[in-house]
C-alpha cells in the first residue's frame, strides 16, 4: 500500500504536481499557489489544499484567493 504525504516538502510537492521545484516556487511567488506552512521550523505544502486549488474547488477562497490562472 502506497501512502501519499499529507504535507510535503517543496521537492515532493513539485514531483507530485509533475513540475520542477523552481516552477512550483514561481507559482507560489506569483500568488497562483499558496505558500508552504511552517511546522516546527520546517516548511511543508498542504497537499490537500494544493489538490483542491488545482481542481478548482478552492477558487476565490482562503489564503490563495483570488487565484490568477
N, C-alpha and C. Protein backbone atom coordinates (compact mmCIF):
# COMPACT_ATOMS: atom_id res chain seq x y z
N UNK A 1 0.84 -1.18 0.00
CA UNK A 1 0.00 0.00 0.00
C UNK A 1 0.89 1.24 0.00
N UNK A 2 0.61 2.15 -0.91
CA UNK A 2 1.40 3.37 -1.02
C UNK A 2 0.67 4.51 -0.31
N UNK A 3 1.41 5.26 0.47
CA UNK A 3 0.84 6.39 1.20
C UNK A 3 1.31 7.70 0.58
N UNK A 4 0.39 8.60 0.34
CA UNK A 4 0.73 9.93 -0.16
C UNK A 4 0.88 10.86 1.05
N UNK A 5 1.85 11.75 1.02
CA UNK A 5 2.03 12.65 2.17
C UNK A 5 0.88 13.65 2.30
N UNK A 6 0.55 13.97 3.54
CA UNK A 6 -0.46 15.00 3.82
C UNK A 6 0.18 16.37 3.64
N UNK A 7 1.40 16.51 4.15
CA UNK A 7 2.21 17.71 3.97
C UNK A 7 3.50 17.28 3.29
N UNK A 8 3.98 18.06 2.33
CA UNK A 8 5.14 17.63 1.54
C UNK A 8 6.17 18.75 1.41
N UNK A 9 7.42 18.33 1.32
CA UNK A 9 8.50 19.29 1.05
C UNK A 9 8.29 19.89 -0.34
N UNK A 10 9.03 20.93 -0.62
CA UNK A 10 8.93 21.57 -1.93
C UNK A 10 9.23 20.57 -3.05
N UNK A 11 10.29 19.79 -2.88
CA UNK A 11 10.68 18.82 -3.92
C UNK A 11 9.60 17.76 -4.12
N UNK A 12 9.04 17.26 -3.03
CA UNK A 12 8.00 16.23 -3.13
C UNK A 12 6.72 16.81 -3.72
N UNK A 13 6.32 18.01 -3.26
CA UNK A 13 5.11 18.66 -3.80
C UNK A 13 5.27 18.90 -5.30
N UNK A 14 6.43 19.39 -5.71
CA UNK A 14 6.67 19.64 -7.14
C UNK A 14 6.59 18.34 -7.93
N UNK A 15 7.21 17.28 -7.42
CA UNK A 15 7.20 15.99 -8.10
C UNK A 15 5.76 15.48 -8.23
N UNK A 16 4.96 15.62 -7.17
CA UNK A 16 3.57 15.16 -7.21
C UNK A 16 2.73 15.97 -8.18
N UNK A 17 3.14 17.21 -8.45
CA UNK A 17 2.43 18.07 -9.41
C UNK A 17 3.07 18.00 -10.79
N UNK A 18 4.06 17.12 -10.96
CA UNK A 18 4.75 16.92 -12.23
C UNK A 18 5.41 18.19 -12.75
N UNK A 19 6.13 18.85 -11.83
CA UNK A 19 6.88 20.05 -12.22
C UNK A 19 8.18 20.09 -11.43
N UNK A 20 9.05 20.99 -11.84
CA UNK A 20 10.32 21.18 -11.15
C UNK A 20 10.08 22.07 -9.92
N UNK A 21 10.92 21.92 -8.87
CA UNK A 21 10.76 22.77 -7.70
C UNK A 21 10.78 24.27 -8.02
N UNK A 22 11.59 24.67 -8.96
CA UNK A 22 11.64 26.08 -9.36
C UNK A 22 10.33 26.56 -9.96
N UNK A 23 9.66 25.69 -10.70
CA UNK A 23 8.36 26.05 -11.27
C UNK A 23 7.32 26.22 -10.17
N UNK A 24 7.34 25.33 -9.19
CA UNK A 24 6.43 25.44 -8.05
C UNK A 24 6.68 26.75 -7.31
N UNK A 25 7.95 27.04 -7.07
CA UNK A 25 8.33 28.30 -6.38
C UNK A 25 7.82 29.51 -7.14
N UNK A 26 7.95 29.51 -8.46
CA UNK A 26 7.47 30.63 -9.28
C UNK A 26 5.96 30.82 -9.14
N UNK A 27 5.21 29.72 -9.14
CA UNK A 27 3.75 29.80 -8.99
C UNK A 27 3.36 30.33 -7.62
N UNK A 28 4.12 29.93 -6.59
CA UNK A 28 3.86 30.43 -5.23
C UNK A 28 4.18 31.92 -5.15
N UNK A 29 5.33 32.31 -5.66
CA UNK A 29 5.75 33.71 -5.60
C UNK A 29 4.83 34.62 -6.40
N UNK A 30 4.22 34.10 -7.46
CA UNK A 30 3.29 34.89 -8.28
C UNK A 30 1.89 34.94 -7.67
N UNK A 31 1.67 34.16 -6.59
CA UNK A 31 0.37 34.16 -5.94
C UNK A 31 -0.62 33.17 -6.53
N UNK A 32 -0.17 32.31 -7.42
CA UNK A 32 -1.06 31.32 -8.03
C UNK A 32 -1.32 30.13 -7.11
N UNK A 33 -0.35 29.83 -6.26
CA UNK A 33 -0.48 28.73 -5.31
C UNK A 33 -0.12 29.25 -3.92
N UNK A 34 -0.67 28.62 -2.87
CA UNK A 34 -0.39 29.08 -1.51
C UNK A 34 1.03 28.77 -1.07
N UNK A 35 1.51 29.59 -0.17
CA UNK A 35 2.84 29.37 0.41
C UNK A 35 2.81 28.13 1.29
N UNK A 36 3.97 27.51 1.48
CA UNK A 36 4.00 26.36 2.39
C UNK A 36 3.76 26.81 3.83
N UNK A 37 3.32 25.88 4.64
CA UNK A 37 3.09 26.17 6.06
C UNK A 37 4.36 25.82 6.83
N UNK A 38 4.60 26.54 7.91
CA UNK A 38 5.77 26.28 8.74
C UNK A 38 5.33 25.39 9.90
N UNK A 39 5.94 24.23 9.99
CA UNK A 39 5.64 23.26 11.04
C UNK A 39 6.93 22.98 11.79
N UNK A 40 7.03 23.50 13.01
CA UNK A 40 8.24 23.28 13.81
C UNK A 40 9.50 23.73 13.12
N UNK A 41 9.43 24.84 12.39
CA UNK A 41 10.60 25.36 11.70
C UNK A 41 10.85 24.75 10.33
N UNK A 42 10.00 23.83 9.91
CA UNK A 42 10.14 23.18 8.61
C UNK A 42 8.98 23.61 7.73
N UNK A 43 9.27 23.98 6.49
CA UNK A 43 8.20 24.37 5.56
C UNK A 43 7.69 23.15 4.82
N UNK A 44 6.35 23.02 4.81
CA UNK A 44 5.71 21.93 4.10
C UNK A 44 4.46 22.43 3.39
N UNK A 45 4.20 21.89 2.20
CA UNK A 45 3.00 22.23 1.44
C UNK A 45 1.87 21.30 1.87
N UNK A 46 0.68 21.87 2.03
CA UNK A 46 -0.53 21.11 2.34
C UNK A 46 -1.03 20.53 1.02
N UNK A 47 -0.86 19.23 0.83
CA UNK A 47 -1.18 18.61 -0.44
C UNK A 47 -2.68 18.60 -0.73
N UNK A 48 -3.51 18.49 0.28
CA UNK A 48 -4.97 18.54 0.06
C UNK A 48 -5.37 19.92 -0.44
N UNK A 49 -4.74 20.96 0.12
CA UNK A 49 -5.03 22.33 -0.32
C UNK A 49 -4.58 22.54 -1.76
N UNK A 50 -3.39 22.08 -2.11
CA UNK A 50 -2.92 22.21 -3.49
C UNK A 50 -3.82 21.46 -4.45
N UNK A 51 -4.22 20.25 -4.08
CA UNK A 51 -5.11 19.46 -4.94
C UNK A 51 -6.44 20.17 -5.15
N UNK A 52 -7.01 20.71 -4.08
CA UNK A 52 -8.29 21.40 -4.17
C UNK A 52 -8.19 22.62 -5.07
N UNK A 53 -7.11 23.36 -4.96
CA UNK A 53 -6.92 24.56 -5.78
C UNK A 53 -6.77 24.16 -7.24
N UNK A 54 -5.96 23.16 -7.52
CA UNK A 54 -5.72 22.76 -8.90
C UNK A 54 -6.95 22.14 -9.54
N UNK A 55 -7.83 21.54 -8.74
CA UNK A 55 -9.10 21.01 -9.25
C UNK A 55 -10.14 22.12 -9.42
N UNK A 56 -9.89 23.29 -8.83
CA UNK A 56 -10.84 24.39 -8.92
C UNK A 56 -11.81 24.44 -7.76
N UNK A 57 -11.63 23.58 -6.77
CA UNK A 57 -12.54 23.53 -5.63
C UNK A 57 -12.39 24.72 -4.69
N UNK A 58 -11.25 25.40 -4.69
CA UNK A 58 -11.00 26.49 -3.76
C UNK A 58 -10.79 27.83 -4.44
N UNK A 59 -11.21 27.97 -5.65
CA UNK A 59 -11.02 29.24 -6.34
C UNK A 59 -11.82 30.31 -5.61
N UNK A 60 -11.13 31.41 -5.27
CA UNK A 60 -11.78 32.51 -4.59
C UNK A 60 -11.93 32.32 -3.10
N UNK A 61 -11.24 31.33 -2.51
CA UNK A 61 -11.34 31.08 -1.08
C UNK A 61 -9.96 31.06 -0.45
N UNK A 62 -9.89 31.39 0.82
CA UNK A 62 -8.70 31.18 1.61
C UNK A 62 -7.54 32.09 1.26
N UNK A 63 -6.38 31.71 1.76
CA UNK A 63 -5.15 32.49 1.65
C UNK A 63 -4.74 32.74 0.21
N UNK A 64 -4.99 31.81 -0.68
CA UNK A 64 -4.53 31.92 -2.06
C UNK A 64 -5.48 32.72 -2.95
N UNK A 65 -6.58 33.21 -2.40
CA UNK A 65 -7.57 33.91 -3.22
C UNK A 65 -7.13 35.32 -3.52
N UNK A 66 -7.49 35.88 -4.64
CA UNK A 66 -8.08 35.17 -5.77
C UNK A 66 -7.00 34.46 -6.58
N UNK A 67 -7.34 33.34 -7.13
CA UNK A 67 -6.41 32.57 -7.95
C UNK A 67 -6.28 33.25 -9.30
N UNK A 68 -5.07 33.40 -9.78
CA UNK A 68 -4.82 34.02 -11.08
C UNK A 68 -4.25 32.97 -12.01
N UNK A 69 -5.02 32.48 -12.94
CA UNK A 69 -4.53 31.47 -13.88
C UNK A 69 -3.94 32.11 -15.08
